[in-house]
Amino acid sequence: MAKKQTFTLDFKPDYDFLLLGIFCAYRDYKLCAELNRYLLYNFEKLPDLEIKPDNKGTTCLFPYFFYLNEDEEEVYLISNKGNKYYFIPELKQCDYFLVIKNYSRYTTIEELERKIRFISLVSSTFEIEPSGLKSAENFLYLEPYIDKDGEKPKLPPVK
């Protein structure tokens, strides 16, 4: 009889994005409007992100916003608090996360923090290292919304 072989896969996800935690007691649409004003973004509300946090079959919805700038950086603002669970349970005190994927060399986390701290609605911000988070894989679910035609959002018109 043949000997049974077992293979294991060692997989470490690549967290190639900038992550900023935001403390803000206001609703997501108010924070989004202020970020649009101070950072010159144009966030767009996407359908809520649905995640199954445990094996009991329950799902949790997290509201999030998306912006694609002219450098093709994908910027996401996601709420940490869903209907029953937290997006990142290790950081229950954090209200929102600002995620920047495909960031260019001109985008620095220090400059973003400095600009966001000028917003009166924001209590504080801090940089987060995603590889140090236990549930950082939740950030990999963030993708731009694909419309009915099967196309990703287009770049904003050039002025």
N, C-alpha and C. Protein backbone atom coordinates (compact mmCIF):
# COMPACT_ATOMS: atom_id res chain seq x y z
N MET A 1 0.83 -1.17 0.00
CA MET A 1 0.00 0.00 0.00
C MET A 1 0.89 1.25 0.00
N ALA A 2 0.47 2.26 -0.76
CA ALA A 2 1.26 3.48 -0.89
C ALA A 2 1.20 4.30 0.40
N LYS A 3 2.32 4.95 0.67
CA LYS A 3 2.39 5.78 1.87
C LYS A 3 1.68 7.11 1.62
N LYS A 4 0.90 7.56 2.56
CA LYS A 4 0.11 8.78 2.43
C LYS A 4 1.01 10.00 2.66
N GLN A 5 0.97 10.96 1.71
CA GLN A 5 1.76 12.18 1.83
C GLN A 5 0.85 13.36 2.18
N THR A 6 1.37 14.21 3.00
CA THR A 6 0.64 15.42 3.38
C THR A 6 1.49 16.64 3.04
N PHE A 7 0.87 17.62 2.40
CA PHE A 7 1.55 18.85 2.04
C PHE A 7 0.91 20.01 2.80
N THR A 8 1.73 20.93 3.24
CA THR A 8 1.22 22.14 3.89
C THR A 8 1.65 23.35 3.07
N LEU A 9 0.80 24.33 3.07
CA LEU A 9 1.06 25.54 2.32
C LEU A 9 1.33 26.68 3.30
N ASP A 10 2.51 27.23 3.20
CA ASP A 10 2.84 28.39 4.02
C ASP A 10 2.55 29.63 3.21
N PHE A 11 1.52 30.35 3.63
CA PHE A 11 1.08 31.54 2.89
C PHE A 11 1.08 32.73 3.83
N LYS A 12 1.79 33.76 3.43
CA LYS A 12 1.77 35.01 4.17
C LYS A 12 1.29 36.09 3.21
N PRO A 13 0.15 36.69 3.49
CA PRO A 13 -0.36 37.72 2.58
C PRO A 13 0.53 38.94 2.55
N ASP A 14 0.55 39.60 1.41
CA ASP A 14 1.35 40.80 1.22
C ASP A 14 0.46 42.02 1.47
N TYR A 15 0.74 42.73 2.52
CA TYR A 15 -0.04 43.92 2.85
C TYR A 15 0.68 45.14 2.28
N ASP A 16 0.50 45.35 1.00
CA ASP A 16 1.16 46.45 0.31
C ASP A 16 0.21 47.64 0.21
N PHE A 17 -0.09 48.25 1.34
CA PHE A 17 -0.93 49.43 1.37
C PHE A 17 -0.61 50.24 2.62
N LEU A 18 -0.98 51.51 2.57
CA LEU A 18 -0.84 52.38 3.73
C LEU A 18 -2.11 52.29 4.55
N LEU A 19 -1.98 52.31 5.86
CA LEU A 19 -3.14 52.16 6.73
C LEU A 19 -3.07 53.21 7.83
N LEU A 20 -4.17 53.91 8.00
CA LEU A 20 -4.26 54.98 8.99
C LEU A 20 -5.52 54.77 9.81
N GLY A 21 -5.40 54.77 11.12
CA GLY A 21 -6.56 54.67 12.00
C GLY A 21 -7.05 56.06 12.36
N ILE A 22 -8.36 56.26 12.38
CA ILE A 22 -8.95 57.57 12.65
C ILE A 22 -9.93 57.44 13.82
N PHE A 23 -9.77 58.32 14.80
CA PHE A 23 -10.71 58.43 15.90
C PHE A 23 -11.66 59.58 15.59
N CYS A 24 -12.92 59.28 15.42
CA CYS A 24 -13.92 60.30 15.09
C CYS A 24 -15.27 59.81 15.60
N ALA A 25 -15.93 60.65 16.41
CA ALA A 25 -17.21 60.24 17.00
C ALA A 25 -18.40 60.52 16.08
N TYR A 26 -18.16 61.12 14.93
CA TYR A 26 -19.25 61.49 14.03
C TYR A 26 -19.54 60.38 13.03
N ARG A 27 -20.67 60.49 12.34
CA ARG A 27 -21.10 59.51 11.36
C ARG A 27 -20.15 59.48 10.17
N ASP A 28 -20.15 58.38 9.45
CA ASP A 28 -19.22 58.18 8.34
C ASP A 28 -19.39 59.20 7.22
N TYR A 29 -20.63 59.59 6.90
CA TYR A 29 -20.83 60.53 5.81
C TYR A 29 -20.31 61.92 6.16
N LYS A 30 -20.35 62.31 7.44
CA LYS A 30 -19.80 63.60 7.85
C LYS A 30 -18.28 63.60 7.73
N LEU A 31 -17.66 62.52 8.21
CA LEU A 31 -16.21 62.40 8.11
C LEU A 31 -15.79 62.36 6.65
N CYS A 32 -16.54 61.66 5.84
CA CYS A 32 -16.24 61.55 4.42
C CYS A 32 -16.30 62.92 3.74
N ALA A 33 -17.30 63.71 4.07
CA ALA A 33 -17.43 65.05 3.49
C ALA A 33 -16.26 65.93 3.90
N GLU A 34 -15.81 65.83 5.14
CA GLU A 34 -14.67 66.63 5.59
C GLU A 34 -13.37 66.16 4.94
N LEU A 35 -13.20 64.86 4.78
CA LEU A 35 -12.01 64.35 4.08
C LEU A 35 -12.02 64.83 2.63
N ASN A 36 -13.18 64.84 2.00
CA ASN A 36 -13.28 65.34 0.63
C ASN A 36 -12.84 66.80 0.57
N ARG A 37 -13.24 67.56 1.55
CA ARG A 37 -12.93 68.99 1.55
C ARG A 37 -11.46 69.27 1.83
N TYR A 38 -10.89 68.60 2.83
CA TYR A 38 -9.51 68.88 3.22
C TYR A 38 -8.47 68.19 2.35
N LEU A 39 -8.76 66.99 1.89
CA LEU A 39 -7.78 66.23 1.10
C LEU A 39 -8.05 66.32 -0.40
N LEU A 40 -9.11 67.02 -0.77
CA LEU A 40 -9.52 67.17 -2.18
C LEU A 40 -9.82 65.81 -2.81
N TYR A 41 -10.45 64.94 -2.04
CA TYR A 41 -10.89 63.65 -2.54
C TYR A 41 -12.33 63.78 -3.02
N ASN A 42 -12.82 62.72 -3.64
CA ASN A 42 -14.21 62.66 -4.05
C ASN A 42 -14.72 61.25 -3.75
N PHE A 43 -14.89 60.96 -2.45
CA PHE A 43 -15.31 59.63 -2.04
C PHE A 43 -16.70 59.31 -2.57
N GLU A 44 -16.88 58.05 -2.90
CA GLU A 44 -18.15 57.54 -3.41
C GLU A 44 -18.57 56.38 -2.51
N LYS A 45 -19.81 56.39 -2.07
CA LYS A 45 -20.33 55.33 -1.20
C LYS A 45 -20.52 54.05 -2.02
N LEU A 46 -20.00 52.97 -1.52
CA LEU A 46 -20.14 51.67 -2.17
C LEU A 46 -21.10 50.81 -1.36
N PRO A 47 -21.64 49.76 -1.95
CA PRO A 47 -22.48 48.85 -1.16
C PRO A 47 -21.68 48.30 0.02
N ASP A 48 -22.35 48.11 1.14
CA ASP A 48 -21.67 47.68 2.36
C ASP A 48 -20.90 46.39 2.15
N LEU A 49 -19.75 46.32 2.80
CA LEU A 49 -18.91 45.14 2.73
C LEU A 49 -19.47 44.09 3.68
N GLU A 50 -19.70 42.90 3.17
CA GLU A 50 -20.30 41.82 3.96
C GLU A 50 -19.22 40.81 4.34
N ILE A 51 -19.05 40.62 5.64
CA ILE A 51 -18.03 39.69 6.14
C ILE A 51 -18.68 38.76 7.15
N LYS A 52 -18.27 37.49 7.11
CA LYS A 52 -18.74 36.51 8.10
C LYS A 52 -17.66 36.39 9.18
N PRO A 53 -17.87 37.04 10.33
CA PRO A 53 -16.81 37.06 11.35
C PRO A 53 -16.63 35.75 12.11
N ASP A 54 -17.62 34.90 12.13
CA ASP A 54 -17.47 33.64 12.86
C ASP A 54 -18.15 32.52 12.08
N ASN A 55 -18.09 31.35 12.60
CA ASN A 55 -18.64 30.18 11.90
C ASN A 55 -20.11 29.94 12.18
N LYS A 56 -20.78 30.85 12.83
CA LYS A 56 -22.17 30.65 13.18
C LYS A 56 -23.12 31.00 12.04
N GLY A 57 -22.58 31.43 10.92
CA GLY A 57 -23.43 31.76 9.78
C GLY A 57 -23.92 33.19 9.78
N THR A 58 -23.56 33.99 10.76
CA THR A 58 -23.99 35.38 10.79
C THR A 58 -23.08 36.21 9.89
N THR A 59 -23.63 37.26 9.34
CA THR A 59 -22.84 38.18 8.53
C THR A 59 -22.92 39.57 9.14
N CYS A 60 -21.90 40.33 8.87
CA CYS A 60 -21.83 41.70 9.39
C CYS A 60 -21.56 42.64 8.21
N LEU A 61 -22.23 43.78 8.21
CA LEU A 61 -22.08 44.76 7.14
C LEU A 61 -21.27 45.95 7.63
N PHE A 62 -20.29 46.35 6.84
CA PHE A 62 -19.45 47.48 7.16
C PHE A 62 -19.55 48.51 6.04
N PRO A 63 -19.98 49.74 6.35
CA PRO A 63 -20.05 50.76 5.30
C PRO A 63 -18.65 51.22 4.92
N TYR A 64 -18.45 51.42 3.60
CA TYR A 64 -17.16 51.95 3.17
C TYR A 64 -17.31 52.80 1.92
N PHE A 65 -16.29 53.64 1.71
CA PHE A 65 -16.27 54.61 0.63
C PHE A 65 -15.01 54.40 -0.20
N PHE A 66 -15.06 54.81 -1.45
CA PHE A 66 -13.96 54.59 -2.38
C PHE A 66 -13.67 55.85 -3.18
N TYR A 67 -12.38 56.08 -3.44
CA TYR A 67 -11.96 57.18 -4.30
C TYR A 67 -10.76 56.72 -5.10
N LEU A 68 -10.76 57.00 -6.40
CA LEU A 68 -9.66 56.69 -7.29
C LEU A 68 -9.11 58.00 -7.81
N ASN A 69 -7.85 58.32 -7.49
CA ASN A 69 -7.30 59.60 -7.93
C ASN A 69 -6.57 59.47 -9.26
N GLU A 70 -6.03 60.59 -9.73
CA GLU A 70 -5.40 60.60 -11.06
C GLU A 70 -4.11 59.79 -11.12
N ASP A 71 -3.50 59.49 -9.98
CA ASP A 71 -2.32 58.63 -9.94
C ASP A 71 -2.70 57.15 -9.82
N GLU A 72 -4.00 56.87 -9.94
CA GLU A 72 -4.58 55.54 -9.82
C GLU A 72 -4.35 54.91 -8.45
N GLU A 73 -4.29 55.76 -7.44
CA GLU A 73 -4.27 55.28 -6.07
C GLU A 73 -5.70 54.98 -5.65
N GLU A 74 -5.90 53.85 -5.04
CA GLU A 74 -7.22 53.47 -4.53
C GLU A 74 -7.28 53.84 -3.06
N VAL A 75 -8.22 54.72 -2.71
CA VAL A 75 -8.34 55.18 -1.33
C VAL A 75 -9.68 54.69 -0.79
N TYR A 76 -9.64 54.03 0.36
CA TYR A 76 -10.85 53.49 1.00
C TYR A 76 -10.99 54.07 2.39
N LEU A 77 -12.20 54.40 2.75
CA LEU A 77 -12.54 54.76 4.12
C LEU A 77 -13.56 53.74 4.59
N ILE A 78 -13.21 53.00 5.63
CA ILE A 78 -14.11 51.95 6.12
C ILE A 78 -14.35 52.12 7.61
N SER A 79 -15.58 51.89 8.01
CA SER A 79 -15.95 51.98 9.41
C SER A 79 -15.51 50.71 10.13
N ASN A 80 -15.02 50.86 11.34
CA ASN A 80 -14.60 49.70 12.12
C ASN A 80 -15.78 49.02 12.81
N LYS A 81 -16.87 49.75 12.97
CA LYS A 81 -18.02 49.20 13.68
C LYS A 81 -19.10 48.80 12.69
N GLY A 82 -19.42 47.52 12.68
CA GLY A 82 -20.52 47.02 11.86
C GLY A 82 -21.78 46.94 12.70
N ASN A 83 -22.74 46.13 12.26
CA ASN A 83 -23.99 46.03 13.02
C ASN A 83 -23.82 45.27 14.33
N LYS A 84 -22.91 44.31 14.42
CA LYS A 84 -22.70 43.57 15.67
C LYS A 84 -21.22 43.38 16.00
N TYR A 85 -20.36 43.45 15.01
CA TYR A 85 -18.96 43.11 15.18
C TYR A 85 -18.06 44.27 14.78
N TYR A 86 -16.76 44.07 14.99
CA TYR A 86 -15.75 45.03 14.58
C TYR A 86 -15.02 44.49 13.36
N PHE A 87 -14.64 45.39 12.46
CA PHE A 87 -13.88 45.02 11.27
C PHE A 87 -12.51 44.48 11.69
N ILE A 88 -11.86 45.20 12.60
CA ILE A 88 -10.60 44.77 13.18
C ILE A 88 -10.81 44.70 14.69
N PRO A 89 -11.11 43.52 15.24
CA PRO A 89 -11.45 43.41 16.66
C PRO A 89 -10.31 43.82 17.60
N GLU A 90 -9.06 43.76 17.15
CA GLU A 90 -7.95 44.15 18.01
C GLU A 90 -7.93 45.64 18.29
N LEU A 91 -8.55 46.43 17.41
CA LEU A 91 -8.56 47.88 17.54
C LEU A 91 -9.98 48.39 17.74
N LYS A 92 -10.63 47.94 18.79
CA LYS A 92 -12.01 48.33 19.04
C LYS A 92 -12.16 49.82 19.30
N GLN A 93 -11.11 50.47 19.79
CA GLN A 93 -11.19 51.89 20.10
C GLN A 93 -11.12 52.77 18.85
N CYS A 94 -10.66 52.23 17.74
CA CYS A 94 -10.54 52.98 16.49
C CYS A 94 -11.89 53.00 15.77
N ASP A 95 -12.28 54.16 15.24
CA ASP A 95 -13.59 54.30 14.60
C ASP A 95 -13.55 54.02 13.09
N TYR A 96 -12.51 54.50 12.40
CA TYR A 96 -12.43 54.36 10.95
C TYR A 96 -11.01 54.01 10.54
N PHE A 97 -10.91 53.43 9.34
CA PHE A 97 -9.61 53.14 8.75
C PHE A 97 -9.54 53.79 7.37
N LEU A 98 -8.43 54.42 7.08
CA LEU A 98 -8.16 54.97 5.75
C LEU A 98 -7.09 54.08 5.13
N VAL A 99 -7.43 53.43 4.03
CA VAL A 99 -6.55 52.48 3.36
C VAL A 99 -6.19 53.04 1.99
N ILE A 100 -4.90 53.06 1.67
CA ILE A 100 -4.46 53.54 0.36
C ILE A 100 -3.67 52.42 -0.32
N LYS A 101 -4.25 51.88 -1.39
CA LYS A 101 -3.60 50.84 -2.17
C LYS A 101 -3.01 51.48 -3.43
N ASN A 102 -1.99 50.86 -3.98
CA ASN A 102 -1.28 51.35 -5.17
C ASN A 102 -0.77 52.76 -4.95
N TYR A 103 -0.26 53.03 -3.76
CA TYR A 103 0.18 54.38 -3.44
C TYR A 103 1.44 54.74 -4.21
N SER A 104 1.52 56.01 -4.56
CA SER A 104 2.68 56.50 -5.30
C SER A 104 3.76 56.97 -4.33
N ARG A 105 4.91 57.30 -4.87
CA ARG A 105 6.01 57.73 -4.00
C ARG A 105 5.77 59.12 -3.44
N TYR A 106 4.78 59.84 -3.98
CA TYR A 106 4.48 61.18 -3.50
C TYR A 106 3.52 61.17 -2.31
N THR A 107 2.91 60.05 -2.05
CA THR A 107 1.97 59.94 -0.94
C THR A 107 2.72 59.45 0.30
N THR A 108 2.69 60.25 1.35
CA THR A 108 3.33 59.85 2.59
C THR A 108 2.29 59.82 3.70
N ILE A 109 2.45 58.89 4.59
CA ILE A 109 1.51 58.73 5.69
C ILE A 109 1.60 59.90 6.66
N GLU A 110 2.79 60.47 6.81
CA GLU A 110 2.96 61.61 7.71
C GLU A 110 2.19 62.83 7.21
N GLU A 111 2.23 63.08 5.92
CA GLU A 111 1.50 64.21 5.34
C GLU A 111 -0.01 64.01 5.48
N LEU A 112 -0.48 62.79 5.24
CA LEU A 112 -1.90 62.50 5.41
C LEU A 112 -2.34 62.72 6.86
N GLU A 113 -1.54 62.22 7.79
CA GLU A 113 -1.87 62.40 9.21
C GLU A 113 -1.95 63.88 9.57
N ARG A 114 -1.01 64.66 9.08
CA ARG A 114 -0.97 66.08 9.37
C ARG A 114 -2.22 66.79 8.84
N LYS A 115 -2.63 66.45 7.63
CA LYS A 115 -3.80 67.08 7.03
C LYS A 115 -5.10 66.65 7.73
N ILE A 116 -5.19 65.39 8.09
CA ILE A 116 -6.40 64.88 8.72
C ILE A 116 -6.56 65.44 10.13
N ARG A 117 -5.47 65.69 10.81
CA ARG A 117 -5.56 66.24 12.17
C ARG A 117 -6.11 67.66 12.18
N PHE A 118 -6.08 68.37 11.04
CA PHE A 118 -6.66 69.71 10.96
C PHE A 118 -8.19 69.67 10.94
N ILE A 119 -8.77 68.52 10.65
CA ILE A 119 -10.23 68.40 10.59
C ILE A 119 -10.77 68.42 12.02
N SER A 120 -11.72 69.31 12.25
CA SER A 120 -12.22 69.49 13.62
C SER A 120 -13.01 68.28 14.13
N LEU A 121 -13.56 67.47 13.25
CA LEU A 121 -14.32 66.28 13.67
C LEU A 121 -13.43 65.16 14.18
N VAL A 122 -12.18 65.17 13.78
CA VAL A 122 -11.25 64.08 14.08
C VAL A 122 -10.57 64.32 15.42
N SER A 123 -10.63 63.35 16.30
CA SER A 123 -9.96 63.45 17.60
C SER A 123 -8.47 63.17 17.46
N SER A 124 -8.14 62.09 16.73
CA SER A 124 -6.74 61.71 16.58
C SER A 124 -6.60 60.74 15.40
N THR A 125 -5.37 60.59 14.95
CA THR A 125 -5.04 59.60 13.91
C THR A 125 -3.75 58.90 14.31
N PHE A 126 -3.54 57.73 13.76
CA PHE A 126 -2.29 57.03 13.99
C PHE A 126 -2.04 56.05 12.85
N GLU A 127 -0.76 55.84 12.57
CA GLU A 127 -0.37 54.89 11.53
C GLU A 127 -0.43 53.47 12.11
N ILE A 128 -0.89 52.54 11.28
CA ILE A 128 -1.02 51.15 11.70
C ILE A 128 -0.18 50.29 10.76
N GLU A 129 0.57 49.38 11.33
CA GLU A 129 1.31 48.41 10.55
C GLU A 129 0.42 47.18 10.38
N PRO A 130 -0.10 46.92 9.16
CA PRO A 130 -1.06 45.83 8.99
C PRO A 130 -0.52 44.44 9.32
N SER A 131 0.76 44.23 9.12
CA SER A 131 1.31 42.89 9.38
C SER A 131 1.27 42.56 10.87
N GLY A 132 1.14 43.54 11.74
CA GLY A 132 1.07 43.30 13.17
C GLY A 132 -0.34 42.99 13.66
N LEU A 133 -1.33 43.08 12.79
CA LEU A 133 -2.72 42.82 13.18
C LEU A 133 -3.09 41.37 12.93
N LYS A 134 -3.83 40.81 13.85
CA LYS A 134 -4.26 39.42 13.73
C LYS A 134 -5.30 39.24 12.61
N SER A 135 -6.21 40.21 12.46
CA SER A 135 -7.27 40.11 11.45
C SER A 135 -7.05 41.08 10.29
N ALA A 136 -5.80 41.29 9.92
CA ALA A 136 -5.48 42.22 8.83
C ALA A 136 -5.95 41.70 7.47
N GLU A 137 -6.26 40.42 7.37
CA GLU A 137 -6.73 39.88 6.10
C GLU A 137 -8.07 40.47 5.68
N ASN A 138 -8.80 41.07 6.61
CA ASN A 138 -10.06 41.72 6.26
C ASN A 138 -9.86 42.87 5.29
N PHE A 139 -8.69 43.51 5.34
CA PHE A 139 -8.42 44.60 4.41
C PHE A 139 -8.26 44.12 2.98
N LEU A 140 -7.98 42.85 2.79
CA LEU A 140 -7.83 42.31 1.45
C LEU A 140 -9.18 42.18 0.74
N TYR A 141 -10.28 42.28 1.48
CA TYR A 141 -11.62 42.23 0.88
C TYR A 141 -11.99 43.54 0.19
N LEU A 142 -11.27 44.62 0.48
CA LEU A 142 -11.60 45.92 -0.09
C LEU A 142 -11.22 45.95 -1.56
N GLU A 143 -12.19 46.11 -2.40
CA GLU A 143 -12.00 46.19 -3.84
C GLU A 143 -12.92 47.26 -4.38
N PRO A 144 -12.52 47.92 -5.47
CA PRO A 144 -13.44 48.89 -6.07
C PRO A 144 -14.68 48.20 -6.60
N TYR A 145 -15.77 48.90 -6.55
CA TYR A 145 -17.05 48.35 -6.97
C TYR A 145 -17.07 48.17 -8.48
N ILE A 146 -17.51 47.01 -8.94
CA ILE A 146 -17.63 46.73 -10.37
C ILE A 146 -19.09 46.92 -10.74
N ASP A 147 -19.34 47.82 -11.68
CA ASP A 147 -20.73 48.12 -12.04
C ASP A 147 -21.32 47.03 -12.93
N LYS A 148 -22.53 47.24 -13.40
CA LYS A 148 -23.25 46.23 -14.18
C LYS A 148 -22.58 45.92 -15.51
N ASP A 149 -21.84 46.89 -16.04
CA ASP A 149 -21.15 46.67 -17.31
C ASP A 149 -19.86 45.89 -17.13
N GLY A 150 -19.48 45.62 -15.90
CA GLY A 150 -18.27 44.87 -15.63
C GLY A 150 -17.02 45.72 -15.62
N GLU A 151 -17.18 47.05 -15.53
CA GLU A 151 -16.03 47.94 -15.53
C GLU A 151 -15.81 48.51 -14.14
N LYS A 152 -14.54 48.67 -13.79
CA LYS A 152 -14.19 49.32 -12.53
C LYS A 152 -14.41 50.83 -12.70
N PRO A 153 -14.48 51.56 -11.60
CA PRO A 153 -14.67 53.01 -11.71
C PRO A 153 -13.59 53.66 -12.54
N LYS A 154 -13.99 54.66 -13.28
CA LYS A 154 -13.05 55.38 -14.13
C LYS A 154 -12.41 56.52 -13.37
N LEU A 155 -11.31 57.00 -13.90
CA LEU A 155 -10.64 58.15 -13.31
C LEU A 155 -11.51 59.38 -13.42
N PRO A 156 -11.36 60.33 -12.48
CA PRO A 156 -12.15 61.55 -12.60
C PRO A 156 -11.73 62.33 -13.83
N PRO A 157 -12.63 63.15 -14.40
CA PRO A 157 -12.28 63.91 -15.59
C PRO A 157 -11.17 64.92 -15.30
N VAL A 158 -10.31 65.11 -16.26
CA VAL A 158 -9.19 66.05 -16.11
C VAL A 158 -9.72 67.46 -16.34
N LYS A 159 -9.37 68.36 -15.41
CA LYS A 159 -9.84 69.74 -15.54
C LYS A 159 -8.83 70.60 -16.25
